[in-house]
Amino acid sequence: MADESTQSIVVDASADEIMAVIADFPAYPEWAAAVKQTEVLDADDANADSNRAKKVRFTLDAGVFKDVYTLEYDWAADGREVNWNLVEGQMQRMQRGTYRLDPQDGQTKVTYTLSVQLVVPMIGLFRRKAEKMIMDTALKELKRRVEGS
């Protein structure tokens, strides 16, 4: 089993506002610098209230790391957590992640957990460092997008 990395940030917004940004995959290229394109492949049409994406393809360009990959999402009924798993990828063998939102006095603590295994082997220390950098950037970009809108 792969190691996981976890990081948190406090965002000055409600959990609903944050989850709305997380769930708006077509807008990712506007605020997530490494994400160049997204395509929702499958959505939950059964629940018209949420209409959350179930499967999304991402085109990523983070300098040395470029990939096209598809993630499958599982949304918690309470709207406070979303989990995802890699369905297919060019450079990744496995990706598992979670955003968990915990409301706290008018703000929300966002906790991001991520585990990635690349097709090319990478020393554990470097992989964890890369995961932490990805999470730090993602959390800061998410915070900026939510608080700026």
C-alpha atoms as a PDB file:
ATOM      1  CA  MET A   1       0.000   0.000   0.000  1.00  0.00           C
ATOM      2  CA  ALA A   2       1.285   3.457  -0.905  1.00  0.00           C
ATOM      3  CA  ASP A   3       2.002   6.149   1.640  1.00  0.00           C
ATOM      4  CA  GLU A   4      -0.367   9.100   1.844  1.00  0.00           C
ATOM      5  CA  SER A   5       0.436  12.756   2.332  1.00  0.00           C
ATOM      6  CA  THR A   6      -1.996  15.082   4.093  1.00  0.00           C
ATOM      7  CA  GLN A   7      -2.143  18.859   4.291  1.00  0.00           C
ATOM      8  CA  SER A   8      -4.755  21.378   5.485  1.00  0.00           C
ATOM      9  CA  ILE A   9      -5.612  25.038   5.006  1.00  0.00           C
ATOM     10  CA  VAL A  10      -8.317  27.279   6.483  1.00  0.00           C
ATOM     11  CA  VAL A  11     -10.513  29.054   3.930  1.00  0.00           C
ATOM     12  CA  ASP A  12     -12.694  32.058   4.732  1.00  0.00           C
ATOM     13  CA  ALA A  13     -15.854  30.558   3.181  1.00  0.00           C
ATOM     14  CA  SER A  14     -18.549  27.997   3.852  1.00  0.00           C
ATOM     15  CA  ALA A  15     -18.081  24.321   3.056  1.00  0.00           C
ATOM     16  CA  ASP A  16     -20.809  24.632   0.406  1.00  0.00           C
ATOM     17  CA  GLU A  17     -18.965  27.469  -1.364  1.00  0.00           C
ATOM     18  CA  ILE A  18     -15.700  25.497  -1.325  1.00  0.00           C
ATOM     19  CA  MET A  19     -17.306  22.265  -2.535  1.00  0.00           C
ATOM     20  CA  ALA A  20     -18.952  24.187  -5.382  1.00  0.00           C
ATOM     21  CA  VAL A  21     -15.489  25.280  -6.592  1.00  0.00           C
ATOM     22  CA  ILE A  22     -14.052  21.761  -6.151  1.00  0.00           C
ATOM     23  CA  ALA A  23     -16.963  20.288  -8.139  1.00  0.00           C
ATOM     24  CA  ASP A  24     -16.757  22.832 -11.004  1.00  0.00           C
ATOM     25  CA  PHE A  25     -14.296  20.846 -13.125  1.00  0.00           C
ATOM     26  CA  PRO A  26     -14.760  22.856 -16.346  1.00  0.00           C
ATOM     27  CA  ALA A  27     -13.422  25.929 -14.483  1.00  0.00           C
ATOM     28  CA  TYR A  28     -10.202  24.263 -13.226  1.00  0.00           C
ATOM     29  CA  PRO A  29      -8.031  25.618 -16.078  1.00  0.00           C
ATOM     30  CA  GLU A  30      -9.017  29.151 -14.960  1.00  0.00           C
ATOM     31  CA  TRP A  31      -7.490  28.783 -11.489  1.00  0.00           C
ATOM     32  CA  ALA A  32      -5.407  25.586 -11.204  1.00  0.00           C
ATOM     33  CA  ALA A  33      -2.199  26.526 -13.012  1.00  0.00           C
ATOM     34  CA  ALA A  34      -1.085  23.007 -13.994  1.00  0.00           C
ATOM     35  CA  VAL A  35      -4.520  21.935 -15.270  1.00  0.00           C
ATOM     36  CA  LYS A  36      -4.721  22.768 -18.959  1.00  0.00           C
ATOM     37  CA  GLN A  37      -7.975  20.994 -19.829  1.00  0.00           C
ATOM     38  CA  THR A  38     -10.775  19.006 -18.177  1.00  0.00           C
ATOM     39  CA  GLU A  39     -13.575  16.924 -19.604  1.00  0.00           C
ATOM     40  CA  VAL A  40     -16.466  15.535 -17.557  1.00  0.00           C
ATOM     41  CA  LEU A  41     -17.004  12.039 -18.968  1.00  0.00           C
ATOM     42  CA  ASP A  42     -19.810  10.920 -16.668  1.00  0.00           C
ATOM     43  CA  ALA A  43     -22.089  12.775 -14.240  1.00  0.00           C
ATOM     44  CA  ASP A  44     -24.609  11.694 -11.613  1.00  0.00           C
ATOM     45  CA  ASP A  45     -27.818  12.442 -13.509  1.00  0.00           C
ATOM     46  CA  ALA A  46     -29.830  10.343 -11.043  1.00  0.00           C
ATOM     47  CA  ASN A  47     -29.555  13.062  -8.392  1.00  0.00           C
ATOM     48  CA  ALA A  48     -30.471  16.350 -10.072  1.00  0.00           C
ATOM     49  CA  ASP A  49     -29.741  18.270  -6.851  1.00  0.00           C
ATOM     50  CA  SER A  50     -26.039  17.465  -6.953  1.00  0.00           C
ATOM     51  CA  ASN A  51     -25.313  16.572 -10.600  1.00  0.00           C
ATOM     52  CA  ARG A  52     -21.742  15.872  -9.525  1.00  0.00           C
ATOM     53  CA  ALA A  53     -19.169  14.517 -11.940  1.00  0.00           C
ATOM     54  CA  LYS A  54     -18.444  10.828 -11.537  1.00  0.00           C
ATOM     55  CA  LYS A  55     -15.613  10.608 -14.068  1.00  0.00           C
ATOM     56  CA  VAL A  56     -13.324  13.418 -15.273  1.00  0.00           C
ATOM     57  CA  ARG A  57     -10.365  13.470 -17.696  1.00  0.00           C
ATOM     58  CA  PHE A  58      -7.567  15.939 -16.903  1.00  0.00           C
ATOM     59  CA  THR A  59      -4.747  17.223 -19.073  1.00  0.00           C
ATOM     60  CA  LEU A  60      -1.944  18.315 -16.766  1.00  0.00           C
ATOM     61  CA  ASP A  61       1.221  20.258 -17.575  1.00  0.00           C
ATOM     62  CA  ALA A  62       3.313  20.950 -14.485  1.00  0.00           C
ATOM     63  CA  GLY A  63       6.602  21.592 -16.266  1.00  0.00           C
ATOM     64  CA  VAL A  64       8.568  18.350 -16.032  1.00  0.00           C
ATOM     65  CA  PHE A  65       5.424  16.376 -15.239  1.00  0.00           C
ATOM     66  CA  LYS A  66       2.832  16.128 -18.001  1.00  0.00           C
ATOM     67  CA  ASP A  67      -0.053  13.660 -17.966  1.00  0.00           C
ATOM     68  CA  VAL A  68      -3.519  12.917 -19.263  1.00  0.00           C
ATOM     69  CA  TYR A  69      -5.488  10.925 -16.738  1.00  0.00           C
ATOM     70  CA  THR A  70      -9.039  10.062 -15.688  1.00  0.00           C
ATOM     71  CA  LEU A  71     -10.334  10.153 -12.129  1.00  0.00           C
ATOM     72  CA  GLU A  72     -13.510   8.619 -10.720  1.00  0.00           C
ATOM     73  CA  TYR A  73     -15.239  10.552  -7.919  1.00  0.00           C
ATOM     74  CA  ASP A  74     -17.343   9.551  -4.921  1.00  0.00           C
ATOM     75  CA  TRP A  75     -19.204  12.453  -3.259  1.00  0.00           C
ATOM     76  CA  ALA A  76     -20.314  12.195   0.390  1.00  0.00           C
ATOM     77  CA  ALA A  77     -24.052  12.726   0.886  1.00  0.00           C
ATOM     78  CA  ASP A  78     -23.419  15.484   3.443  1.00  0.00           C
ATOM     79  CA  GLY A  79     -21.396  17.530   0.923  1.00  0.00           C
ATOM     80  CA  ARG A  80     -18.353  17.628   3.197  1.00  0.00           C
ATOM     81  CA  GLU A  81     -16.079  15.112   1.478  1.00  0.00           C
ATOM     82  CA  VAL A  82     -15.122  13.903  -1.971  1.00  0.00           C
ATOM     83  CA  ASN A  83     -12.870  10.933  -2.721  1.00  0.00           C
ATOM     84  CA  TRP A  84     -11.310   9.972  -6.032  1.00  0.00           C
ATOM     85  CA  ASN A  85      -9.335   7.163  -7.633  1.00  0.00           C
ATOM     86  CA  LEU A  86      -7.367   6.904 -10.847  1.00  0.00           C
ATOM     87  CA  VAL A  87      -9.187   5.073 -13.637  1.00  0.00           C
ATOM     88  CA  GLU A  88      -6.440   5.477 -16.227  1.00  0.00           C
ATOM     89  CA  GLY A  89      -3.342   7.554 -16.746  1.00  0.00           C
ATOM     90  CA  GLN A  90      -0.255   7.797 -18.900  1.00  0.00           C
ATOM     91  CA  MET A  91       2.291   8.619 -16.193  1.00  0.00           C
ATOM     92  CA  GLN A  92       0.439   7.391 -13.098  1.00  0.00           C
ATOM     93  CA  ARG A  93      -0.144   3.844 -11.954  1.00  0.00           C
ATOM     94  CA  MET A  94      -2.327   4.904  -9.008  1.00  0.00           C
ATOM     95  CA  GLN A  95      -3.819   8.069  -7.561  1.00  0.00           C
ATOM     96  CA  ARG A  96      -6.110   8.208  -4.576  1.00  0.00           C
ATOM     97  CA  GLY A  97      -7.229  11.432  -2.941  1.00  0.00           C
ATOM     98  CA  THR A  98      -9.705  13.127  -0.640  1.00  0.00           C
ATOM     99  CA  TYR A  99     -10.875  16.641   0.117  1.00  0.00           C
ATOM    100  CA  ARG A 100     -12.537  16.809   3.554  1.00  0.00           C
ATOM    101  CA  LEU A 101     -14.251  20.045   4.648  1.00  0.00           C
ATOM    102  CA  ASP A 102     -14.705  20.853   8.345  1.00  0.00           C
ATOM    103  CA  PRO A 103     -16.657  24.063   9.136  1.00  0.00           C
ATOM    104  CA  GLN A 104     -15.068  26.096  11.970  1.00  0.00           C
ATOM    105  CA  ASP A 105     -16.516  29.413  13.214  1.00  0.00           C
ATOM    106  CA  GLY A 106     -17.509  30.870   9.841  1.00  0.00           C
ATOM    107  CA  GLN A 107     -14.478  29.414   8.086  1.00  0.00           C
ATOM    108  CA  THR A 108     -13.728  25.937   6.782  1.00  0.00           C
ATOM    109  CA  LYS A 109     -10.703  23.735   7.306  1.00  0.00           C
ATOM    110  CA  VAL A 110      -9.923  21.952   4.026  1.00  0.00           C
ATOM    111  CA  THR A 111      -7.882  18.765   4.414  1.00  0.00           C
ATOM    112  CA  TYR A 112      -6.359  17.255   1.281  1.00  0.00           C
ATOM    113  CA  THR A 113      -5.017  13.697   1.344  1.00  0.00           C
ATOM    114  CA  LEU A 114      -3.158  12.359  -1.684  1.00  0.00           C
ATOM    115  CA  SER A 115      -1.325   9.219  -2.689  1.00  0.00           C
ATOM    116  CA  VAL A 116       0.241   8.831  -6.132  1.00  0.00           C
ATOM    117  CA  GLN A 117       2.289   6.073  -7.734  1.00  0.00           C
ATOM    118  CA  LEU A 118       3.977   6.891 -11.017  1.00  0.00           C
ATOM    119  CA  VAL A 119       4.652   4.431 -13.825  1.00  0.00           C
ATOM    120  CA  VAL A 120       8.351   5.303 -13.466  1.00  0.00           C
ATOM    121  CA  PRO A 121       9.646   4.326 -10.014  1.00  0.00           C
ATOM    122  CA  MET A 122      10.482   7.231  -7.727  1.00  0.00           C
ATOM    123  CA  ILE A 123      12.303   7.153  -4.396  1.00  0.00           C
ATOM    124  CA  GLY A 124       9.752   7.473  -1.570  1.00  0.00           C
ATOM    125  CA  LEU A 125      11.286  10.660  -0.156  1.00  0.00           C
ATOM    126  CA  PHE A 126      11.082  12.436  -3.531  1.00  0.00           C
ATOM    127  CA  ARG A 127       7.540  11.157  -4.169  1.00  0.00           C
ATOM    128  CA  ARG A 128       6.315  12.447  -0.792  1.00  0.00           C
ATOM    129  CA  LYS A 129       8.025  15.790  -1.407  1.00  0.00           C
ATOM    130  CA  ALA A 130       6.322  16.044  -4.823  1.00  0.00           C
ATOM    131  CA  GLU A 131       2.937  15.128  -3.280  1.00  0.00           C
ATOM    132  CA  LYS A 132       3.362  17.821  -0.626  1.00  0.00           C
ATOM    133  CA  MET A 133       4.254  20.408  -3.279  1.00  0.00           C
ATOM    134  CA  ILE A 134       1.202  19.405  -5.382  1.00  0.00           C
ATOM    135  CA  MET A 135      -1.072  19.615  -2.328  1.00  0.00           C
ATOM    136  CA  ASP A 136       0.358  22.917  -1.120  1.00  0.00           C
ATOM    137  CA  THR A 137      -0.139  24.479  -4.545  1.00  0.00           C
ATOM    138  CA  ALA A 138      -3.637  22.992  -4.952  1.00  0.00           C
ATOM    139  CA  LEU A 139      -4.780  24.200  -1.518  1.00  0.00           C
ATOM    140  CA  LYS A 140      -3.417  27.725  -2.033  1.00  0.00           C
ATOM    141  CA  GLU A 141      -4.986  27.967  -5.505  1.00  0.00           C
ATOM    142  CA  LEU A 142      -8.305  26.656  -4.143  1.00  0.00           C
ATOM    143  CA  LYS A 143      -8.228  29.184  -1.284  1.00  0.00           C
ATOM    144  CA  ARG A 144      -7.436  32.042  -3.687  1.00  0.00           C
ATOM    145  CA  ARG A 145     -10.250  30.993  -6.059  1.00  0.00           C
ATOM    146  CA  VAL A 146     -12.871  30.618  -3.297  1.00  0.00           C
ATOM    147  CA  GLU A 147     -11.972  33.763  -1.376  1.00  0.00           C
ATOM    148  CA  GLY A 148     -11.561  35.802  -4.546  1.00  0.00           C
ATOM    149  CA  SER A 149     -14.971  34.952  -5.948  1.00  0.00           C
END
